[in-house]
């Protein structure tokens, strides 16, 4: 299995503490985030961005986020 595929599989199994999720907001819009378990991302509908969760740690950098209009 390629390294990229391994990282994607690991990302899909990420979990995030529900209490942490209550505290986190989008760094750009300060709006609440929703956790997408299937993709292992924190989603900001207001900013149209999905922030990755790696090793259980949310990466809250806009430069690391995926735009929601891209797959």
N, C-alpha and C. Protein backbone atom coordinates (compact mmCIF):
# COMPACT_ATOMS: atom_id res chain seq x y z
N UNK A 1 0.84 -1.18 0.00
CA UNK A 1 0.00 0.00 0.00
C UNK A 1 0.89 1.24 0.00
N UNK A 2 0.58 2.20 -0.83
CA UNK A 2 1.36 3.42 -0.93
C UNK A 2 1.23 4.24 0.34
N UNK A 3 2.26 5.05 0.62
CA UNK A 3 2.27 5.88 1.84
C UNK A 3 1.07 6.82 1.88
N UNK A 4 0.73 7.41 0.75
CA UNK A 4 -0.41 8.34 0.70
C UNK A 4 -1.71 7.62 1.09
N UNK A 5 -1.89 6.39 0.59
CA UNK A 5 -3.09 5.61 0.91
C UNK A 5 -3.13 5.27 2.40
N UNK A 6 -1.97 4.95 2.98
CA UNK A 6 -1.92 4.65 4.41
C UNK A 6 -2.34 5.86 5.22
N UNK A 7 -1.85 7.05 4.82
CA UNK A 7 -2.20 8.27 5.54
C UNK A 7 -3.69 8.55 5.40
N UNK A 8 -4.25 8.30 4.23
CA UNK A 8 -5.68 8.54 4.03
C UNK A 8 -6.51 7.58 4.86
N UNK A 9 -6.11 6.30 4.93
CA UNK A 9 -6.82 5.32 5.75
C UNK A 9 -6.76 5.72 7.22
N UNK A 10 -5.60 6.17 7.67
CA UNK A 10 -5.45 6.59 9.06
C UNK A 10 -6.33 7.81 9.33
N UNK A 11 -6.41 8.71 8.39
CA UNK A 11 -7.22 9.92 8.57
C UNK A 11 -8.69 9.56 8.72
N UNK A 12 -9.12 8.53 8.02
CA UNK A 12 -10.53 8.15 8.07
C UNK A 12 -10.91 7.54 9.41
N UNK A 13 -9.93 7.08 10.17
CA UNK A 13 -10.23 6.47 11.45
C UNK A 13 -10.00 7.44 12.62
N UNK A 14 -9.69 8.69 12.32
CA UNK A 14 -9.43 9.68 13.37
C UNK A 14 -10.68 9.92 14.20
N UNK A 15 -10.45 10.20 15.45
CA UNK A 15 -11.53 10.59 16.36
C UNK A 15 -11.10 11.88 17.03
N UNK A 16 -12.07 12.60 17.55
CA UNK A 16 -11.77 13.83 18.27
C UNK A 16 -12.64 13.87 19.52
N UNK A 17 -12.06 14.33 20.59
CA UNK A 17 -12.77 14.42 21.87
C UNK A 17 -13.97 15.36 21.71
N UNK A 18 -15.16 14.91 22.08
CA UNK A 18 -16.35 15.76 21.94
C UNK A 18 -16.25 17.08 22.71
N UNK A 19 -15.57 17.07 23.85
CA UNK A 19 -15.40 18.32 24.62
C UNK A 19 -14.51 19.30 23.87
N UNK A 20 -13.48 18.77 23.20
CA UNK A 20 -12.60 19.62 22.40
C UNK A 20 -13.38 20.22 21.24
N UNK A 21 -14.22 19.40 20.62
CA UNK A 21 -15.02 19.87 19.50
C UNK A 21 -15.93 21.03 19.90
N UNK A 22 -16.45 20.98 21.12
CA UNK A 22 -17.31 22.07 21.60
C UNK A 22 -16.54 23.39 21.71
N UNK A 23 -15.25 23.31 21.99
CA UNK A 23 -14.43 24.51 22.18
C UNK A 23 -13.87 25.09 20.88
N UNK A 24 -13.66 24.23 19.91
CA UNK A 24 -13.02 24.68 18.66
C UNK A 24 -13.98 25.47 17.78
N UNK A 25 -13.44 26.49 17.15
CA UNK A 25 -14.18 27.27 16.16
C UNK A 25 -13.26 27.48 14.96
N UNK A 26 -13.85 27.85 13.85
CA UNK A 26 -13.08 28.14 12.65
C UNK A 26 -12.19 29.36 12.93
N UNK A 27 -10.89 29.28 12.64
CA UNK A 27 -10.00 30.41 12.90
C UNK A 27 -10.30 31.64 12.03
N UNK A 28 -10.98 31.44 10.93
CA UNK A 28 -11.30 32.57 10.04
C UNK A 28 -12.62 33.24 10.38
N UNK A 29 -13.64 32.43 10.64
CA UNK A 29 -14.99 32.98 10.83
C UNK A 29 -15.47 32.94 12.28
N UNK A 30 -14.76 32.20 13.12
CA UNK A 30 -15.14 32.00 14.53
C UNK A 30 -16.48 31.26 14.66
N UNK A 31 -16.89 30.57 13.61
CA UNK A 31 -18.13 29.80 13.62
C UNK A 31 -17.86 28.37 14.11
N UNK A 32 -18.89 27.66 14.57
CA UNK A 32 -18.71 26.28 15.04
C UNK A 32 -18.25 25.35 13.91
N UNK A 33 -17.65 24.24 14.33
CA UNK A 33 -17.16 23.24 13.38
C UNK A 33 -17.95 21.94 13.57
N UNK A 34 -18.06 21.19 12.49
CA UNK A 34 -18.68 19.87 12.53
C UNK A 34 -17.61 18.84 12.19
N UNK A 35 -17.61 17.72 12.91
CA UNK A 35 -16.62 16.69 12.65
C UNK A 35 -17.15 15.69 11.64
N UNK A 36 -16.42 15.51 10.55
CA UNK A 36 -16.75 14.53 9.53
C UNK A 36 -15.89 13.30 9.80
N UNK A 37 -16.48 12.27 10.42
CA UNK A 37 -15.73 11.06 10.79
C UNK A 37 -15.20 10.32 9.56
N UNK A 38 -15.99 10.28 8.52
CA UNK A 38 -15.59 9.54 7.31
C UNK A 38 -14.31 10.10 6.71
N UNK A 39 -14.19 11.42 6.68
CA UNK A 39 -13.01 12.05 6.08
C UNK A 39 -11.97 12.48 7.11
N UNK A 40 -12.31 12.41 8.39
CA UNK A 40 -11.35 12.82 9.43
C UNK A 40 -11.04 14.30 9.36
N UNK A 41 -12.09 15.11 9.22
CA UNK A 41 -11.91 16.55 9.07
C UNK A 41 -12.91 17.32 9.94
N UNK A 42 -12.51 18.52 10.32
CA UNK A 42 -13.41 19.46 10.98
C UNK A 42 -13.88 20.43 9.91
N UNK A 43 -15.18 20.52 9.75
CA UNK A 43 -15.76 21.28 8.64
C UNK A 43 -16.34 22.61 9.13
N UNK A 44 -15.95 23.67 8.44
CA UNK A 44 -16.52 24.99 8.67
C UNK A 44 -17.38 25.33 7.44
N UNK A 45 -18.69 25.26 7.62
CA UNK A 45 -19.59 25.60 6.50
C UNK A 45 -19.48 27.08 6.17
N UNK A 46 -19.28 27.92 7.18
CA UNK A 46 -19.20 29.37 6.97
C UNK A 46 -18.00 29.74 6.09
N UNK A 47 -16.86 29.10 6.32
CA UNK A 47 -15.65 29.40 5.55
C UNK A 47 -15.51 28.49 4.33
N UNK A 48 -16.36 27.46 4.24
CA UNK A 48 -16.27 26.47 3.15
C UNK A 48 -14.89 25.79 3.14
N UNK A 49 -14.42 25.44 4.38
CA UNK A 49 -13.14 24.78 4.54
C UNK A 49 -13.28 23.54 5.43
N UNK A 50 -12.40 22.56 5.20
CA UNK A 50 -12.34 21.36 6.01
C UNK A 50 -10.91 21.23 6.54
N UNK A 51 -10.78 21.30 7.87
CA UNK A 51 -9.47 21.23 8.52
C UNK A 51 -9.16 19.77 8.86
N UNK A 52 -7.96 19.29 8.51
CA UNK A 52 -7.63 17.89 8.79
C UNK A 52 -7.40 17.62 10.27
N UNK A 53 -7.62 16.37 10.66
CA UNK A 53 -7.30 15.90 12.01
C UNK A 53 -6.25 14.81 11.81
N UNK A 54 -5.06 15.03 12.37
CA UNK A 54 -3.95 14.08 12.20
C UNK A 54 -3.50 13.59 13.57
N UNK A 55 -3.57 12.29 13.77
CA UNK A 55 -3.16 11.72 15.05
C UNK A 55 -4.01 12.22 16.20
N UNK A 56 -5.28 12.53 15.92
CA UNK A 56 -6.18 13.05 16.93
C UNK A 56 -6.02 14.53 17.20
N UNK A 57 -5.13 15.19 16.46
CA UNK A 57 -4.86 16.62 16.65
C UNK A 57 -5.44 17.41 15.47
N UNK A 58 -6.34 18.34 15.74
CA UNK A 58 -6.88 19.17 14.66
C UNK A 58 -5.83 20.16 14.18
N UNK A 59 -5.67 20.24 12.88
CA UNK A 59 -4.72 21.17 12.27
C UNK A 59 -5.53 22.38 11.82
N UNK A 60 -5.54 23.41 12.65
CA UNK A 60 -6.42 24.56 12.44
C UNK A 60 -5.75 25.68 11.66
N UNK A 61 -5.00 25.33 10.65
CA UNK A 61 -4.33 26.31 9.79
C UNK A 61 -5.08 26.41 8.46
N UNK A 62 -5.54 27.59 8.10
CA UNK A 62 -6.23 27.72 6.81
C UNK A 62 -5.40 27.21 5.63
N UNK A 63 -4.08 27.34 5.73
CA UNK A 63 -3.22 26.87 4.64
C UNK A 63 -3.23 25.34 4.52
N UNK A 64 -3.61 24.63 5.58
CA UNK A 64 -3.69 23.17 5.56
C UNK A 64 -5.09 22.67 5.24
N UNK A 65 -6.06 23.55 5.25
CA UNK A 65 -7.46 23.17 5.05
C UNK A 65 -7.76 22.88 3.58
N UNK A 66 -8.76 22.02 3.40
CA UNK A 66 -9.25 21.68 2.04
C UNK A 66 -10.49 22.51 1.78
N UNK A 67 -10.55 23.10 0.60
CA UNK A 67 -11.76 23.83 0.22
C UNK A 67 -12.89 22.83 -0.01
N UNK A 68 -14.09 23.16 0.44
CA UNK A 68 -15.20 22.22 0.31
C UNK A 68 -15.67 22.06 -1.13
N UNK A 69 -15.32 22.96 -2.00
CA UNK A 69 -15.73 22.82 -3.40
C UNK A 69 -14.80 21.91 -4.18
N UNK A 70 -13.77 21.32 -3.49
CA UNK A 70 -12.87 20.36 -4.14
C UNK A 70 -13.01 19.02 -3.43
N UNK A 71 -12.83 17.91 -4.16
CA UNK A 71 -12.95 16.58 -3.53
C UNK A 71 -11.85 16.25 -2.57
